[in-house]
Amino acid sequence: MPEDTENKQKSMKEHSDKLAKLGMDLSKIQFSYKVEEKTSKGYWQKRIENFKEYNKKALEYYNQVFSLIKVADKEESEKFLLQISKFRQLSLSLIEIMEKIQENPSIINSKDRQQSQWSREIKNNITEQSNKCLQHERDMNSYFRDFYEKHLKDVLE
């Protein structure tokens, strides 16, 4: 039995080290969910590229969190896996909205008095979707911090 506990601790430590490295990589990307009213295609193309890069690294990070949680508590890891899935869906939706804006960037301009209903909806959608992504990431990080405090802190320190 002590060997099993030792293996579990070793596995947690490995996952924790990988997680720390991914966290550092993720912090270097520094993507902001704040919606800017920029009306150039180039801006939106770059924004989409930056978000895709951020999202890829964020998914790696959250998958590593999942792996760490799974070592400690399989049931809790399954709950976290659902959160990762929701984050992936929210992210894909945000990319779709940004691509619509990239095709016609003037729709994001709030000073345009002749905006169509479609333009206003897309502008509202990007703000709403950005907020959902940000809030969901905050919730995931909060969940992990709580889990870490309760189940991992003593083992990893």
C-alpha atoms as a PDB file:
ATOM      1  CA  MET A   1       0.000   0.000   0.000  1.00  0.00           C
ATOM      2  CA  PRO A   2       2.755   2.559   0.797  1.00  0.00           C
ATOM      3  CA  GLU A   3       4.263   1.907  -2.670  1.00  0.00           C
ATOM      4  CA  ASP A   4       0.919   2.827  -4.269  1.00  0.00           C
ATOM      5  CA  THR A   5       0.822   6.078  -2.301  1.00  0.00           C
ATOM      6  CA  GLU A   6       4.410   6.799  -3.285  1.00  0.00           C
ATOM      7  CA  ASN A   7       3.608   6.219  -6.974  1.00  0.00           C
ATOM      8  CA  LYS A   8       0.564   8.456  -6.682  1.00  0.00           C
ATOM      9  CA  GLN A   9       2.639  11.244  -5.113  1.00  0.00           C
ATOM     10  CA  LYS A  10       5.310  10.875  -7.783  1.00  0.00           C
ATOM     11  CA  SER A  11       2.689  11.070 -10.516  1.00  0.00           C
ATOM     12  CA  MET A  12       1.112  14.150  -8.903  1.00  0.00           C
ATOM     13  CA  LYS A  13       4.512  15.819  -8.714  1.00  0.00           C
ATOM     14  CA  GLU A  14       5.191  15.121 -12.415  1.00  0.00           C
ATOM     15  CA  HIS A  15       1.801  16.500 -13.429  1.00  0.00           C
ATOM     16  CA  SER A  16       2.313  19.509 -11.166  1.00  0.00           C
ATOM     17  CA  ASP A  17       5.701  20.267 -12.753  1.00  0.00           C
ATOM     18  CA  LYS A  18       4.228  20.058 -16.262  1.00  0.00           C
ATOM     19  CA  LEU A  19       1.343  22.260 -15.129  1.00  0.00           C
ATOM     20  CA  ALA A  20       3.718  24.892 -13.770  1.00  0.00           C
ATOM     21  CA  LYS A  21       5.583  25.011 -17.100  1.00  0.00           C
ATOM     22  CA  LEU A  22       2.338  25.288 -19.076  1.00  0.00           C
ATOM     23  CA  GLY A  23       1.159  28.028 -16.721  1.00  0.00           C
ATOM     24  CA  MET A  24       4.334  30.004 -17.430  1.00  0.00           C
ATOM     25  CA  ASP A  25       3.880  29.536 -21.193  1.00  0.00           C
ATOM     26  CA  LEU A  26       0.238  30.577 -20.937  1.00  0.00           C
ATOM     27  CA  SER A  27       1.066  33.719 -18.973  1.00  0.00           C
ATOM     28  CA  LYS A  28       3.505  34.797 -21.713  1.00  0.00           C
ATOM     29  CA  ILE A  29       0.720  34.812 -24.305  1.00  0.00           C
ATOM     30  CA  GLN A  30      -1.378  37.304 -22.301  1.00  0.00           C
ATOM     31  CA  PHE A  31      -4.610  37.231 -24.284  1.00  0.00           C
ATOM     32  CA  SER A  32      -7.246  39.737 -23.184  1.00  0.00           C
ATOM     33  CA  TYR A  33     -10.936  39.035 -23.665  1.00  0.00           C
ATOM     34  CA  LYS A  34     -11.640  42.774 -23.774  1.00  0.00           C
ATOM     35  CA  VAL A  35     -13.454  43.644 -26.990  1.00  0.00           C
ATOM     36  CA  GLU A  36     -11.864  46.499 -28.927  1.00  0.00           C
ATOM     37  CA  GLU A  37     -13.764  48.454 -31.561  1.00  0.00           C
ATOM     38  CA  LYS A  38     -11.059  48.055 -34.196  1.00  0.00           C
ATOM     39  CA  THR A  39     -12.302  48.132 -37.768  1.00  0.00           C
ATOM     40  CA  SER A  40      -9.392  46.651 -39.716  1.00  0.00           C
ATOM     41  CA  LYS A  41      -9.332  43.140 -41.129  1.00  0.00           C
ATOM     42  CA  GLY A  42      -5.682  42.841 -40.133  1.00  0.00           C
ATOM     43  CA  TYR A  43      -6.503  43.523 -36.486  1.00  0.00           C
ATOM     44  CA  TRP A  44      -9.201  40.857 -36.433  1.00  0.00           C
ATOM     45  CA  GLN A  45      -7.038  38.356 -38.285  1.00  0.00           C
ATOM     46  CA  LYS A  46      -4.257  38.873 -35.720  1.00  0.00           C
ATOM     47  CA  ARG A  47      -6.772  38.712 -32.874  1.00  0.00           C
ATOM     48  CA  ILE A  48      -8.100  35.380 -34.133  1.00  0.00           C
ATOM     49  CA  GLU A  49      -4.555  34.015 -34.475  1.00  0.00           C
ATOM     50  CA  ASN A  50      -3.670  35.214 -30.964  1.00  0.00           C
ATOM     51  CA  PHE A  51      -6.810  33.689 -29.500  1.00  0.00           C
ATOM     52  CA  LYS A  52      -6.223  30.371 -31.266  1.00  0.00           C
ATOM     53  CA  GLU A  53      -2.664  30.288 -29.903  1.00  0.00           C
ATOM     54  CA  TYR A  54      -3.906  31.192 -26.421  1.00  0.00           C
ATOM     55  CA  ASN A  55      -6.754  28.704 -26.624  1.00  0.00           C
ATOM     56  CA  LYS A  56      -4.464  25.868 -27.705  1.00  0.00           C
ATOM     57  CA  LYS A  57      -2.126  26.504 -24.774  1.00  0.00           C
ATOM     58  CA  ALA A  58      -5.059  26.987 -22.373  1.00  0.00           C
ATOM     59  CA  LEU A  59      -6.518  23.630 -23.414  1.00  0.00           C
ATOM     60  CA  GLU A  60      -3.129  21.979 -22.841  1.00  0.00           C
ATOM     61  CA  TYR A  61      -3.037  23.611 -19.424  1.00  0.00           C
ATOM     62  CA  TYR A  62      -6.557  22.537 -18.470  1.00  0.00           C
ATOM     63  CA  ASN A  63      -5.945  19.006 -19.753  1.00  0.00           C
ATOM     64  CA  GLN A  64      -2.900  18.877 -17.485  1.00  0.00           C
ATOM     65  CA  VAL A  65      -5.060  20.114 -14.587  1.00  0.00           C
ATOM     66  CA  PHE A  66      -7.479  17.300 -15.443  1.00  0.00           C
ATOM     67  CA  SER A  67      -4.628  14.754 -15.352  1.00  0.00           C
ATOM     68  CA  LEU A  68      -3.478  16.013 -11.977  1.00  0.00           C
ATOM     69  CA  ILE A  69      -6.979  15.940 -10.522  1.00  0.00           C
ATOM     70  CA  LYS A  70      -7.521  12.445 -11.959  1.00  0.00           C
ATOM     71  CA  VAL A  71      -4.580  11.081  -9.974  1.00  0.00           C
ATOM     72  CA  ALA A  72      -6.126  12.420  -6.771  1.00  0.00           C
ATOM     73  CA  ASP A  73      -9.857  11.913  -7.419  1.00  0.00           C
ATOM     74  CA  LYS A  74     -11.309  10.277 -10.527  1.00  0.00           C
ATOM     75  CA  GLU A  75     -14.858  11.519  -9.919  1.00  0.00           C
ATOM     76  CA  GLU A  76     -13.755  15.148  -9.529  1.00  0.00           C
ATOM     77  CA  SER A  77     -11.640  14.852 -12.672  1.00  0.00           C
ATOM     78  CA  GLU A  78     -14.709  13.849 -14.666  1.00  0.00           C
ATOM     79  CA  LYS A  79     -16.470  17.020 -13.508  1.00  0.00           C
ATOM     80  CA  PHE A  80     -13.473  19.053 -14.584  1.00  0.00           C
ATOM     81  CA  LEU A  81     -13.418  17.311 -17.956  1.00  0.00           C
ATOM     82  CA  LEU A  82     -16.951  18.600 -18.540  1.00  0.00           C
ATOM     83  CA  GLN A  83     -15.720  22.109 -17.775  1.00  0.00           C
ATOM     84  CA  ILE A  84     -12.929  21.699 -20.340  1.00  0.00           C
ATOM     85  CA  SER A  85     -15.489  20.602 -22.906  1.00  0.00           C
ATOM     86  CA  LYS A  86     -17.630  23.653 -22.201  1.00  0.00           C
ATOM     87  CA  PHE A  87     -14.569  25.909 -22.496  1.00  0.00           C
ATOM     88  CA  ARG A  88     -13.790  24.355 -25.879  1.00  0.00           C
ATOM     89  CA  GLN A  89     -17.363  25.018 -27.067  1.00  0.00           C
ATOM     90  CA  LEU A  90     -17.322  28.611 -25.821  1.00  0.00           C
ATOM     91  CA  SER A  91     -13.974  29.190 -27.516  1.00  0.00           C
ATOM     92  CA  LEU A  92     -15.126  27.802 -30.856  1.00  0.00           C
ATOM     93  CA  SER A  93     -18.171  30.043 -30.715  1.00  0.00           C
ATOM     94  CA  LEU A  94     -15.983  33.073 -29.963  1.00  0.00           C
ATOM     95  CA  ILE A  95     -13.744  32.259 -32.941  1.00  0.00           C
ATOM     96  CA  GLU A  96     -16.795  32.004 -35.222  1.00  0.00           C
ATOM     97  CA  ILE A  97     -17.971  35.445 -34.107  1.00  0.00           C
ATOM     98  CA  MET A  98     -14.523  36.960 -34.577  1.00  0.00           C
ATOM     99  CA  GLU A  99     -14.376  35.476 -38.082  1.00  0.00           C
ATOM    100  CA  LYS A 100     -17.694  37.152 -38.931  1.00  0.00           C
ATOM    101  CA  ILE A 101     -16.260  40.448 -37.731  1.00  0.00           C
ATOM    102  CA  GLN A 102     -13.057  39.869 -39.705  1.00  0.00           C
ATOM    103  CA  GLU A 103     -15.133  39.460 -42.881  1.00  0.00           C
ATOM    104  CA  ASN A 104     -16.842  42.808 -42.252  1.00  0.00           C
ATOM    105  CA  PRO A 105     -14.940  44.704 -39.517  1.00  0.00           C
ATOM    106  CA  SER A 106     -17.056  47.852 -39.745  1.00  0.00           C
ATOM    107  CA  ILE A 107     -19.819  46.047 -37.829  1.00  0.00           C
ATOM    108  CA  ILE A 108     -17.875  46.503 -34.609  1.00  0.00           C
ATOM    109  CA  ASN A 109     -17.901  50.305 -34.906  1.00  0.00           C
ATOM    110  CA  SER A 110     -20.355  51.679 -32.333  1.00  0.00           C
ATOM    111  CA  LYS A 111     -20.195  55.152 -33.909  1.00  0.00           C
ATOM    112  CA  ASP A 112     -21.831  53.857 -37.083  1.00  0.00           C
ATOM    113  CA  ARG A 113     -25.363  55.211 -36.827  1.00  0.00           C
ATOM    114  CA  GLN A 114     -26.638  53.079 -39.700  1.00  0.00           C
ATOM    115  CA  GLN A 115     -25.766  49.712 -38.236  1.00  0.00           C
ATOM    116  CA  SER A 116     -28.066  46.907 -39.217  1.00  0.00           C
ATOM    117  CA  GLN A 117     -29.745  44.678 -36.675  1.00  0.00           C
ATOM    118  CA  TRP A 118     -27.358  41.918 -37.792  1.00  0.00           C
ATOM    119  CA  SER A 119     -24.323  44.097 -37.020  1.00  0.00           C
ATOM    120  CA  ARG A 120     -25.641  45.026 -33.578  1.00  0.00           C
ATOM    121  CA  GLU A 121     -26.344  41.370 -32.808  1.00  0.00           C
ATOM    122  CA  ILE A 122     -22.817  40.326 -33.761  1.00  0.00           C
ATOM    123  CA  LYS A 123     -21.341  43.150 -31.708  1.00  0.00           C
ATOM    124  CA  ASN A 124     -23.456  42.097 -28.726  1.00  0.00           C
ATOM    125  CA  ASN A 125     -22.588  38.436 -29.333  1.00  0.00           C
ATOM    126  CA  ILE A 126     -18.836  39.012 -29.258  1.00  0.00           C
ATOM    127  CA  THR A 127     -19.071  40.959 -26.016  1.00  0.00           C
ATOM    128  CA  GLU A 128     -21.320  38.330 -24.468  1.00  0.00           C
ATOM    129  CA  GLN A 129     -19.204  35.406 -25.687  1.00  0.00           C
ATOM    130  CA  SER A 130     -15.951  37.019 -24.545  1.00  0.00           C
ATOM    131  CA  ASN A 131     -17.476  37.542 -21.109  1.00  0.00           C
ATOM    132  CA  LYS A 132     -18.687  33.932 -20.999  1.00  0.00           C
ATOM    133  CA  CYS A 133     -15.225  32.621 -21.896  1.00  0.00           C
ATOM    134  CA  LEU A 134     -13.561  34.834 -19.316  1.00  0.00           C
ATOM    135  CA  GLN A 135     -16.035  33.886 -16.590  1.00  0.00           C
ATOM    136  CA  HIS A 136     -15.792  30.196 -17.396  1.00  0.00           C
ATOM    137  CA  GLU A 137     -11.992  30.319 -17.205  1.00  0.00           C
ATOM    138  CA  ARG A 138     -12.244  32.110 -13.870  1.00  0.00           C
ATOM    139  CA  ASP A 139     -14.616  29.410 -12.623  1.00  0.00           C
ATOM    140  CA  MET A 140     -12.288  26.635 -13.796  1.00  0.00           C
ATOM    141  CA  ASN A 141      -9.293  28.259 -12.137  1.00  0.00           C
ATOM    142  CA  SER A 142     -11.244  28.821  -8.937  1.00  0.00           C
ATOM    143  CA  TYR A 143     -12.388  25.197  -8.945  1.00  0.00           C
ATOM    144  CA  PHE A 144      -8.805  24.029  -9.377  1.00  0.00           C
ATOM    145  CA  ARG A 145      -7.494  26.340  -6.631  1.00  0.00           C
ATOM    146  CA  ASP A 146     -10.112  24.969  -4.236  1.00  0.00           C
ATOM    147  CA  PHE A 147      -9.321  21.392  -5.228  1.00  0.00           C
ATOM    148  CA  TYR A 148      -5.611  22.059  -4.838  1.00  0.00           C
ATOM    149  CA  GLU A 149      -6.075  23.496  -1.346  1.00  0.00           C
ATOM    150  CA  LYS A 150      -8.228  20.566  -0.201  1.00  0.00           C
ATOM    151  CA  HIS A 151      -6.562  17.603  -1.889  1.00  0.00           C
ATOM    152  CA  LEU A 152      -3.141  18.408  -3.303  1.00  0.00           C
ATOM    153  CA  LYS A 153      -1.380  21.076  -1.281  1.00  0.00           C
ATOM    154  CA  ASP A 154      -0.215  18.807   1.528  1.00  0.00           C
ATOM    155  CA  VAL A 155       0.887  16.083  -0.897  1.00  0.00           C
ATOM    156  CA  LEU A 156       2.829  18.401  -3.218  1.00  0.00           C
ATOM    157  CA  GLU A 157       4.574  20.571  -0.639  1.00  0.00           C
END
